Amino acid sequence: MNPVTTVEGRAYPFGLKNVDTDVIIPAHYLKTITRAGLGKGAFETIRREPGNVFDDPAYAGAPIIIAGDNFGCGSSREHAAWALNDFGFRVGIPPTFADIFFSNAGKNGIVLVRLPESDVDKLLKNAETIPGYKLTVSLQEQTVNDDRGFKATFDVDPFRKHCLIEGLDDIGLTLRHTAELD
């Protein structure tokens, strides 16, 4: 897993609420045991719709997704985090998210930032209406900023923060104790 300290860039304004893991990655992609290539299936049903945000060239390559309430609800499939990561997301900013999805995202190098709905609505509006609008998310400082005066802080569990900053998934944590395990 790659370390995450600061993520800067455009953000996909995707405020849809109750987006479950079936929407993030449809079930027919779950036959694989590899993480590579799942980004092509991320939000497949939404991407079939003309004019969807995920195929808008203005946001291509954006590392941040601004989402609605209850993001990642539904089944506990880790493939959802794999798909988001393969698509290029490093940060998700919803008001709320499902606990299992939160765990899977963190263990796969995606920072989920919980902000009040009013802040998320402000970010959504700015990302939709201001050309070139960019955010800076600092895990170290636990802040979300833009260049227009917006600044919010977020809470993060110290152990999760440590793992994300150090790039440690469960295997990486175990390998740090190789000498003792041998």
C-alpha atoms as a PDB file:
ATOM      1  CA  MET A   1       0.000   0.000   0.000  1.00  0.00           C
ATOM      2  CA  ASN A   2       1.293   3.457  -0.858  1.00  0.00           C
ATOM      3  CA  PRO A   3       1.710   5.945   1.990  1.00  0.00           C
ATOM      4  CA  VAL A   4      -0.792   8.811   2.129  1.00  0.00           C
ATOM      5  CA  THR A   5       0.090  12.134   3.720  1.00  0.00           C
ATOM      6  CA  THR A   6      -1.357  14.892   1.517  1.00  0.00           C
ATOM      7  CA  VAL A   7      -3.679  14.573  -1.465  1.00  0.00           C
ATOM      8  CA  GLU A   8      -4.215  17.566  -3.743  1.00  0.00           C
ATOM      9  CA  GLY A   9      -6.349  17.941  -6.812  1.00  0.00           C
ATOM     10  CA  ARG A  10      -9.755  18.131  -8.394  1.00  0.00           C
ATOM     11  CA  ALA A  11     -12.669  16.343  -6.806  1.00  0.00           C
ATOM     12  CA  TYR A  12     -15.493  14.443  -8.474  1.00  0.00           C
ATOM     13  CA  PRO A  13     -18.736  16.055  -7.239  1.00  0.00           C
ATOM     14  CA  PHE A  14     -20.814  12.926  -6.624  1.00  0.00           C
ATOM     15  CA  GLY A  15     -23.355  13.807  -3.971  1.00  0.00           C
ATOM     16  CA  LEU A  16     -25.645  10.817  -4.479  1.00  0.00           C
ATOM     17  CA  LYS A  17     -26.800   9.369  -1.144  1.00  0.00           C
ATOM     18  CA  ASN A  18     -26.873   5.694  -0.137  1.00  0.00           C
ATOM     19  CA  VAL A  19     -24.394   4.565  -2.781  1.00  0.00           C
ATOM     20  CA  ASP A  20     -23.830   0.926  -1.963  1.00  0.00           C
ATOM     21  CA  THR A  21     -20.918  -1.303  -2.860  1.00  0.00           C
ATOM     22  CA  ASP A  22     -22.990  -2.829  -5.708  1.00  0.00           C
ATOM     23  CA  VAL A  23     -23.022   0.611  -7.351  1.00  0.00           C
ATOM     24  CA  ILE A  24     -19.328   1.150  -6.647  1.00  0.00           C
ATOM     25  CA  ILE A  25     -18.435  -2.199  -8.272  1.00  0.00           C
ATOM     26  CA  PRO A  26     -21.106  -4.517  -9.732  1.00  0.00           C
ATOM     27  CA  ALA A  27     -21.188  -8.173  -8.667  1.00  0.00           C
ATOM     28  CA  HIS A  28     -19.980  -9.562 -12.007  1.00  0.00           C
ATOM     29  CA  TYR A  29     -16.532  -8.079 -11.238  1.00  0.00           C
ATOM     30  CA  LEU A  30     -16.216 -10.087  -8.027  1.00  0.00           C
ATOM     31  CA  LYS A  31     -14.862 -13.193  -9.755  1.00  0.00           C
ATOM     32  CA  THR A  32     -11.342 -11.844  -9.671  1.00  0.00           C
ATOM     33  CA  ILE A  33      -8.869 -12.189  -6.836  1.00  0.00           C
ATOM     34  CA  THR A  34      -6.588  -9.452  -8.118  1.00  0.00           C
ATOM     35  CA  ARG A  35      -6.984  -5.754  -7.469  1.00  0.00           C
ATOM     36  CA  ALA A  36      -5.713  -4.652 -10.867  1.00  0.00           C
ATOM     37  CA  GLY A  37      -8.177  -3.538 -13.505  1.00  0.00           C
ATOM     38  CA  LEU A  38     -11.233  -3.084 -11.293  1.00  0.00           C
ATOM     39  CA  GLY A  39     -11.254   0.672 -11.904  1.00  0.00           C
ATOM     40  CA  LYS A  40     -12.821   0.071 -15.307  1.00  0.00           C
ATOM     41  CA  GLY A  41     -15.888  -1.326 -13.519  1.00  0.00           C
ATOM     42  CA  ALA A  42     -16.128   1.400 -10.890  1.00  0.00           C
ATOM     43  CA  PHE A  43     -19.569   3.042 -11.023  1.00  0.00           C
ATOM     44  CA  GLU A  44     -20.347   1.057 -14.188  1.00  0.00           C
ATOM     45  CA  THR A  45     -24.124   1.542 -13.980  1.00  0.00           C
ATOM     46  CA  ILE A  46     -23.758   5.284 -13.452  1.00  0.00           C
ATOM     47  CA  ARG A  47     -21.154   5.564 -16.205  1.00  0.00           C
ATOM     48  CA  ARG A  48     -23.649   4.121 -18.695  1.00  0.00           C
ATOM     49  CA  GLU A  49     -25.659   7.330 -18.339  1.00  0.00           C
ATOM     50  CA  PRO A  50     -24.718  10.098 -20.778  1.00  0.00           C
ATOM     51  CA  GLY A  51     -23.139  13.124 -19.139  1.00  0.00           C
ATOM     52  CA  ASN A  52     -22.128  11.330 -15.940  1.00  0.00           C
ATOM     53  CA  VAL A  53     -19.505  12.973 -13.761  1.00  0.00           C
ATOM     54  CA  PHE A  54     -17.081  10.036 -13.925  1.00  0.00           C
ATOM     55  CA  ASP A  55     -16.587  10.401 -17.672  1.00  0.00           C
ATOM     56  CA  ASP A  56     -16.457  14.201 -17.653  1.00  0.00           C
ATOM     57  CA  PRO A  57     -12.978  15.214 -18.903  1.00  0.00           C
ATOM     58  CA  ALA A  58     -12.977  18.168 -16.471  1.00  0.00           C
ATOM     59  CA  TYR A  59     -12.533  15.705 -13.597  1.00  0.00           C
ATOM     60  CA  ALA A  60     -10.373  13.059 -15.286  1.00  0.00           C
ATOM     61  CA  GLY A  61      -7.734  11.781 -12.912  1.00  0.00           C
ATOM     62  CA  ALA A  62      -9.167  13.568  -9.870  1.00  0.00           C
ATOM     63  CA  PRO A  63      -7.950  11.800  -6.706  1.00  0.00           C
ATOM     64  CA  ILE A  64     -10.885  12.898  -4.516  1.00  0.00           C
ATOM     65  CA  ILE A  65     -14.576  11.996  -4.514  1.00  0.00           C
ATOM     66  CA  ILE A  66     -17.134  14.106  -2.688  1.00  0.00           C
ATOM     67  CA  ALA A  67     -20.022  11.786  -1.886  1.00  0.00           C
ATOM     68  CA  GLY A  68     -23.418  11.821  -0.209  1.00  0.00           C
ATOM     69  CA  ASP A  69     -24.582  10.293   3.070  1.00  0.00           C
ATOM     70  CA  ASN A  70     -24.112   6.589   3.756  1.00  0.00           C
ATOM     71  CA  PHE A  71     -21.422   6.090   1.116  1.00  0.00           C
ATOM     72  CA  GLY A  72     -20.303   2.463   0.751  1.00  0.00           C
ATOM     73  CA  CYS A  73     -23.335   0.891   2.378  1.00  0.00           C
ATOM     74  CA  GLY A  74     -24.483  -2.608   1.428  1.00  0.00           C
ATOM     75  CA  SER A  75     -22.334  -5.693   1.275  1.00  0.00           C
ATOM     76  CA  SER A  76     -18.867  -5.868   2.766  1.00  0.00           C
ATOM     77  CA  ARG A  77     -17.033  -6.516  -0.498  1.00  0.00           C
ATOM     78  CA  GLU A  78     -13.436  -5.378  -0.377  1.00  0.00           C
ATOM     79  CA  HIS A  79     -13.579  -5.148  -4.172  1.00  0.00           C
ATOM     80  CA  ALA A  80     -15.319  -1.767  -3.779  1.00  0.00           C
ATOM     81  CA  ALA A  81     -12.211  -0.282  -2.172  1.00  0.00           C
ATOM     82  CA  TRP A  82     -10.018  -2.015  -4.751  1.00  0.00           C
ATOM     83  CA  ALA A  83     -12.093  -0.511  -7.590  1.00  0.00           C
ATOM     84  CA  LEU A  84     -11.970   3.007  -6.148  1.00  0.00           C
ATOM     85  CA  ASN A  85      -8.231   2.727  -5.645  1.00  0.00           C
ATOM     86  CA  ASP A  86      -7.677   1.396  -9.177  1.00  0.00           C
ATOM     87  CA  PHE A  87      -9.838   4.228 -10.558  1.00  0.00           C
ATOM     88  CA  GLY A  88      -7.448   6.660  -8.851  1.00  0.00           C
ATOM     89  CA  PHE A  89      -9.258   7.767  -5.720  1.00  0.00           C
ATOM     90  CA  ARG A  90      -7.117   8.435  -2.653  1.00  0.00           C
ATOM     91  CA  VAL A  91      -9.699  10.391  -0.625  1.00  0.00           C
ATOM     92  CA  GLY A  92     -13.460  10.203  -0.139  1.00  0.00           C
ATOM     93  CA  ILE A  93     -15.389  13.016   1.540  1.00  0.00           C
ATOM     94  CA  PRO A  94     -18.940  12.050   2.576  1.00  0.00           C
ATOM     95  CA  PRO A  95     -20.953  13.135   5.627  1.00  0.00           C
ATOM     96  CA  THR A  96     -21.313   9.454   6.640  1.00  0.00           C
ATOM     97  CA  PHE A  97     -20.169   6.058   5.390  1.00  0.00           C
ATOM     98  CA  ALA A  98     -20.664   2.410   6.207  1.00  0.00           C
ATOM     99  CA  ASP A  99     -18.351   1.006   8.901  1.00  0.00           C
ATOM    100  CA  ILE A 100     -17.176  -2.046   6.950  1.00  0.00           C
ATOM    101  CA  PHE A 101     -16.527   0.050   3.854  1.00  0.00           C
ATOM    102  CA  PHE A 102     -14.589   2.518   6.029  1.00  0.00           C
ATOM    103  CA  SER A 103     -12.397  -0.318   7.293  1.00  0.00           C
ATOM    104  CA  ASN A 104     -11.825  -1.762   3.807  1.00  0.00           C
ATOM    105  CA  ALA A 105     -11.014   1.662   2.354  1.00  0.00           C
ATOM    106  CA  GLY A 106      -8.449   2.439   5.049  1.00  0.00           C
ATOM    107  CA  LYS A 107      -6.776  -0.942   4.673  1.00  0.00           C
ATOM    108  CA  ASN A 108      -6.413  -0.208   0.963  1.00  0.00           C
ATOM    109  CA  GLY A 109      -4.917   3.273   1.226  1.00  0.00           C
ATOM    110  CA  ILE A 110      -8.054   5.387   0.820  1.00  0.00           C
ATOM    111  CA  VAL A 111      -8.634   8.140   3.357  1.00  0.00           C
ATOM    112  CA  LEU A 112     -12.313   8.618   4.207  1.00  0.00           C
ATOM    113  CA  VAL A 113     -12.936  12.066   5.631  1.00  0.00           C
ATOM    114  CA  ARG A 114     -16.199  12.589   7.489  1.00  0.00           C
ATOM    115  CA  LEU A 115     -17.347  16.210   7.324  1.00  0.00           C
ATOM    116  CA  PRO A 116     -20.661  17.798   8.316  1.00  0.00           C
ATOM    117  CA  GLU A 117     -23.253  17.713   5.551  1.00  0.00           C
ATOM    118  CA  SER A 118     -23.182  21.517   5.263  1.00  0.00           C
ATOM    119  CA  ASP A 119     -19.440  21.393   4.511  1.00  0.00           C
ATOM    120  CA  VAL A 120     -19.887  18.548   2.029  1.00  0.00           C
ATOM    121  CA  ASP A 121     -22.669  20.509   0.295  1.00  0.00           C
ATOM    122  CA  LYS A 122     -20.365  23.549   0.038  1.00  0.00           C
ATOM    123  CA  LEU A 123     -17.572  21.424  -1.464  1.00  0.00           C
ATOM    124  CA  LEU A 124     -20.000  19.775  -3.909  1.00  0.00           C
ATOM    125  CA  LYS A 125     -21.264  23.147  -5.096  1.00  0.00           C
ATOM    126  CA  ASN A 126     -17.745  24.522  -5.528  1.00  0.00           C
ATOM    127  CA  ALA A 127     -16.508  21.405  -7.355  1.00  0.00           C
ATOM    128  CA  GLU A 128     -19.500  21.575  -9.723  1.00  0.00           C
ATOM    129  CA  THR A 129     -19.442  25.302 -10.446  1.00  0.00           C
ATOM    130  CA  ILE A 130     -15.877  26.618 -10.145  1.00  0.00           C
ATOM    131  CA  PRO A 131     -13.658  25.647 -13.083  1.00  0.00           C
ATOM    132  CA  GLY A 132     -10.400  24.076 -11.918  1.00  0.00           C
ATOM    133  CA  TYR A 133     -11.542  23.945  -8.281  1.00  0.00           C
ATOM    134  CA  LYS A 134      -9.031  21.968  -6.198  1.00  0.00           C
ATOM    135  CA  LEU A 135      -8.814  20.664  -2.671  1.00  0.00           C
ATOM    136  CA  THR A 136      -5.918  19.799  -0.407  1.00  0.00           C
ATOM    137  CA  VAL A 137      -6.464  17.032   2.134  1.00  0.00           C
ATOM    138  CA  SER A 138      -3.731  16.693   4.742  1.00  0.00           C
ATOM    139  CA  LEU A 139      -3.845  13.507   6.771  1.00  0.00           C
ATOM    140  CA  GLN A 140      -0.946  14.765   8.861  1.00  0.00           C
ATOM    141  CA  GLU A 141      -2.811  17.948   9.855  1.00  0.00           C
ATOM    142  CA  GLN A 142      -6.274  16.366   9.513  1.00  0.00           C
ATOM    143  CA  THR A 143      -7.532  19.250   7.370  1.00  0.00           C
ATOM    144  CA  VAL A 144      -9.395  19.859   4.121  1.00  0.00           C
ATOM    145  CA  ASN A 145      -8.603  23.201   2.434  1.00  0.00           C
ATOM    146  CA  ASP A 146      -9.223  25.008  -0.794  1.00  0.00           C
ATOM    147  CA  ASP A 147      -7.661  28.215  -2.096  1.00  0.00           C
ATOM    148  CA  ARG A 148     -10.841  30.209  -1.456  1.00  0.00           C
ATOM    149  CA  GLY A 149     -10.790  30.200   2.336  1.00  0.00           C
ATOM    150  CA  PHE A 150     -12.551  26.911   3.063  1.00  0.00           C
ATOM    151  CA  LYS A 151     -10.924  24.957   5.865  1.00  0.00           C
ATOM    152  CA  ALA A 152     -12.313  22.058   7.855  1.00  0.00           C
ATOM    153  CA  THR A 153     -10.765  19.625  10.281  1.00  0.00           C
ATOM    154  CA  PHE A 154     -11.601  15.958  10.607  1.00  0.00           C
ATOM    155  CA  ASP A 155     -11.020  13.246  13.164  1.00  0.00           C
ATOM    156  CA  VAL A 156      -9.064  10.117  12.431  1.00  0.00           C
ATOM    157  CA  ASP A 157      -8.149   7.202  14.659  1.00  0.00           C
ATOM    158  CA  PRO A 158      -4.419   7.475  15.539  1.00  0.00           C
ATOM    159  CA  PHE A 159      -3.701   3.860  14.541  1.00  0.00           C
ATOM    160  CA  ARG A 160      -5.466   4.253  11.165  1.00  0.00           C
ATOM    161  CA  LYS A 161      -3.609   7.523  10.595  1.00  0.00           C
ATOM    162  CA  HIS A 162      -0.290   5.828  11.369  1.00  0.00           C
ATOM    163  CA  CYS A 163      -1.029   2.953   8.974  1.00  0.00           C
ATOM    164  CA  LEU A 164      -2.082   5.273   6.136  1.00  0.00           C
ATOM    165  CA  ILE A 165       0.895   7.605   6.549  1.00  0.00           C
ATOM    166  CA  GLU A 166       3.319   4.664   6.744  1.00  0.00           C
ATOM    167  CA  GLY A 167       1.599   2.767   3.903  1.00  0.00           C
ATOM    168  CA  LEU A 168       0.871  -0.254   6.096  1.00  0.00           C
ATOM    169  CA  ASP A 169      -1.902  -2.699   5.316  1.00  0.00           C
ATOM    170  CA  ASP A 170      -2.464  -5.835   7.426  1.00  0.00           C
ATOM    171  CA  ILE A 171       0.365  -7.693   5.679  1.00  0.00           C
ATOM    172  CA  GLY A 172       2.739  -4.749   6.053  1.00  0.00           C
ATOM    173  CA  LEU A 173       1.954  -4.559   9.755  1.00  0.00           C
ATOM    174  CA  THR A 174       2.709  -8.264  10.135  1.00  0.00           C
ATOM    175  CA  LEU A 175       5.942  -8.049   8.164  1.00  0.00           C
ATOM    176  CA  ARG A 176       7.221  -5.399  10.579  1.00  0.00           C
ATOM    177  CA  HIS A 177       7.464  -8.236  13.115  1.00  0.00           C
ATOM    178  CA  THR A 178       9.251 -10.763  10.905  1.00  0.00           C
ATOM    179  CA  ALA A 179      12.193 -11.169  13.282  1.00  0.00           C
ATOM    180  CA  GLU A 180       9.931 -11.887  16.233  1.00  0.00           C
ATOM    181  CA  LEU A 181       7.767 -14.231  14.170  1.00  0.00           C
ATOM    182  CA  ASP A 182      10.804 -16.172  12.940  1.00  0.00           C
END
